[in-house]
Amino acid sequence: MATTTEFGKPNMTNLPKDLGTRIFRTILSTPAPDWDKMEQEADELERQMLIEREKHRKMFTGR
């Protein structure tokens, strides 16, 4: 018979006050992500992957 381990959902109210404060300060001081830059990097990587795929296709099919 298999046993399962159940974990309770973390609760911020059970943390020591100083730890909760530090967590909130860390969250609030984290800079927002630059979505435009990440999208440009993703597009560039996709373009490079397609170029590599085409190189391999030509190499193995002779076309």
C-alpha atoms as a PDB file:
ATOM      1  CA  MET A   1       0.000   0.000   0.000  1.00  0.00           C
ATOM      2  CA  ALA A   2       1.440   3.358  -1.040  1.00  0.00           C
ATOM      3  CA  THR A   3       1.554   6.186   1.421  1.00  0.00           C
ATOM      4  CA  THR A   4       1.154   9.814   0.487  1.00  0.00           C
ATOM      5  CA  THR A   5       2.629  12.786   2.211  1.00  0.00           C
ATOM      6  CA  GLU A   6       0.421  15.820   2.506  1.00  0.00           C
ATOM      7  CA  PHE A   7       1.859  19.267   2.894  1.00  0.00           C
ATOM      8  CA  GLY A   8      -0.110  22.200   4.174  1.00  0.00           C
ATOM      9  CA  LYS A   9      -0.375  25.423   2.234  1.00  0.00           C
ATOM     10  CA  PRO A  10       2.109  28.015   3.544  1.00  0.00           C
ATOM     11  CA  ASN A  11       0.531  30.826   5.486  1.00  0.00           C
ATOM     12  CA  MET A  12       2.231  34.239   5.728  1.00  0.00           C
ATOM     13  CA  THR A  13       0.551  34.955   9.052  1.00  0.00           C
ATOM     14  CA  ASN A  14       2.462  32.104  10.687  1.00  0.00           C
ATOM     15  CA  LEU A  15       5.866  33.578   9.804  1.00  0.00           C
ATOM     16  CA  PRO A  16       7.861  35.664  12.256  1.00  0.00           C
ATOM     17  CA  LYS A  17       7.163  39.383  11.728  1.00  0.00           C
ATOM     18  CA  ASP A  18      10.692  40.263  10.581  1.00  0.00           C
ATOM     19  CA  LEU A  19      10.796  37.430   8.044  1.00  0.00           C
ATOM     20  CA  GLY A  20       7.422  38.390   6.566  1.00  0.00           C
ATOM     21  CA  THR A  21       8.562  42.015   6.322  1.00  0.00           C
ATOM     22  CA  ARG A  22      11.769  40.997   4.552  1.00  0.00           C
ATOM     23  CA  ILE A  23       9.805  38.852   2.089  1.00  0.00           C
ATOM     24  CA  PHE A  24       7.467  41.732   1.238  1.00  0.00           C
ATOM     25  CA  ARG A  25      10.383  44.169   0.854  1.00  0.00           C
ATOM     26  CA  THR A  26      12.106  41.738  -1.498  1.00  0.00           C
ATOM     27  CA  ILE A  27       8.953  41.334  -3.588  1.00  0.00           C
ATOM     28  CA  LEU A  28       8.306  45.069  -3.759  1.00  0.00           C
ATOM     29  CA  SER A  29      11.926  45.955  -4.590  1.00  0.00           C
ATOM     30  CA  THR A  30      12.204  43.424  -7.423  1.00  0.00           C
ATOM     31  CA  PRO A  31      12.200  45.306 -10.751  1.00  0.00           C
ATOM     32  CA  ALA A  32       9.455  44.570 -13.221  1.00  0.00           C
ATOM     33  CA  PRO A  33      10.548  42.367 -16.131  1.00  0.00           C
ATOM     34  CA  ASP A  34      11.254  44.003 -19.485  1.00  0.00           C
ATOM     35  CA  TRP A  35       8.791  42.071 -21.634  1.00  0.00           C
ATOM     36  CA  ASP A  36       9.820  43.785 -24.868  1.00  0.00           C
ATOM     37  CA  LYS A  37      13.458  42.784 -24.444  1.00  0.00           C
ATOM     38  CA  MET A  38      12.511  39.200 -23.558  1.00  0.00           C
ATOM     39  CA  GLU A  39      10.241  38.994 -26.615  1.00  0.00           C
ATOM     40  CA  GLN A  40      13.041  40.276 -28.877  1.00  0.00           C
ATOM     41  CA  GLU A  41      15.467  37.707 -27.437  1.00  0.00           C
ATOM     42  CA  ALA A  42      12.905  34.935 -27.945  1.00  0.00           C
ATOM     43  CA  ASP A  43      12.351  36.001 -31.565  1.00  0.00           C
ATOM     44  CA  GLU A  44      16.105  36.033 -32.205  1.00  0.00           C
ATOM     45  CA  LEU A  45      16.547  32.572 -30.693  1.00  0.00           C
ATOM     46  CA  GLU A  46      13.646  31.221 -32.736  1.00  0.00           C
ATOM     47  CA  ARG A  47      15.218  32.650 -35.903  1.00  0.00           C
ATOM     48  CA  GLN A  48      18.549  31.004 -35.055  1.00  0.00           C
ATOM     49  CA  MET A  49      16.852  27.666 -34.382  1.00  0.00           C
ATOM     50  CA  LEU A  50      15.065  27.783 -37.739  1.00  0.00           C
ATOM     51  CA  ILE A  51      18.369  28.523 -39.504  1.00  0.00           C
ATOM     52  CA  GLU A  52      20.022  25.536 -37.786  1.00  0.00           C
ATOM     53  CA  ARG A  53      17.063  23.276 -38.628  1.00  0.00           C
ATOM     54  CA  GLU A  54      17.299  24.270 -42.279  1.00  0.00           C
ATOM     55  CA  LYS A  55      21.070  23.586 -42.303  1.00  0.00           C
ATOM     56  CA  HIS A  56      20.511  20.087 -40.927  1.00  0.00           C
ATOM     57  CA  ARG A  57      17.665  19.417 -43.338  1.00  0.00           C
ATOM     58  CA  LYS A  58      19.893  20.365 -46.286  1.00  0.00           C
ATOM     59  CA  MET A  59      22.772  18.306 -44.936  1.00  0.00           C
ATOM     60  CA  PHE A  60      20.713  15.109 -44.534  1.00  0.00           C
ATOM     61  CA  THR A  61      18.416  15.397 -47.534  1.00  0.00           C
ATOM     62  CA  GLY A  62      20.891  16.904 -49.985  1.00  0.00           C
ATOM     63  CA  ARG A  63      18.418  19.613 -51.001  1.00  0.00           C
END
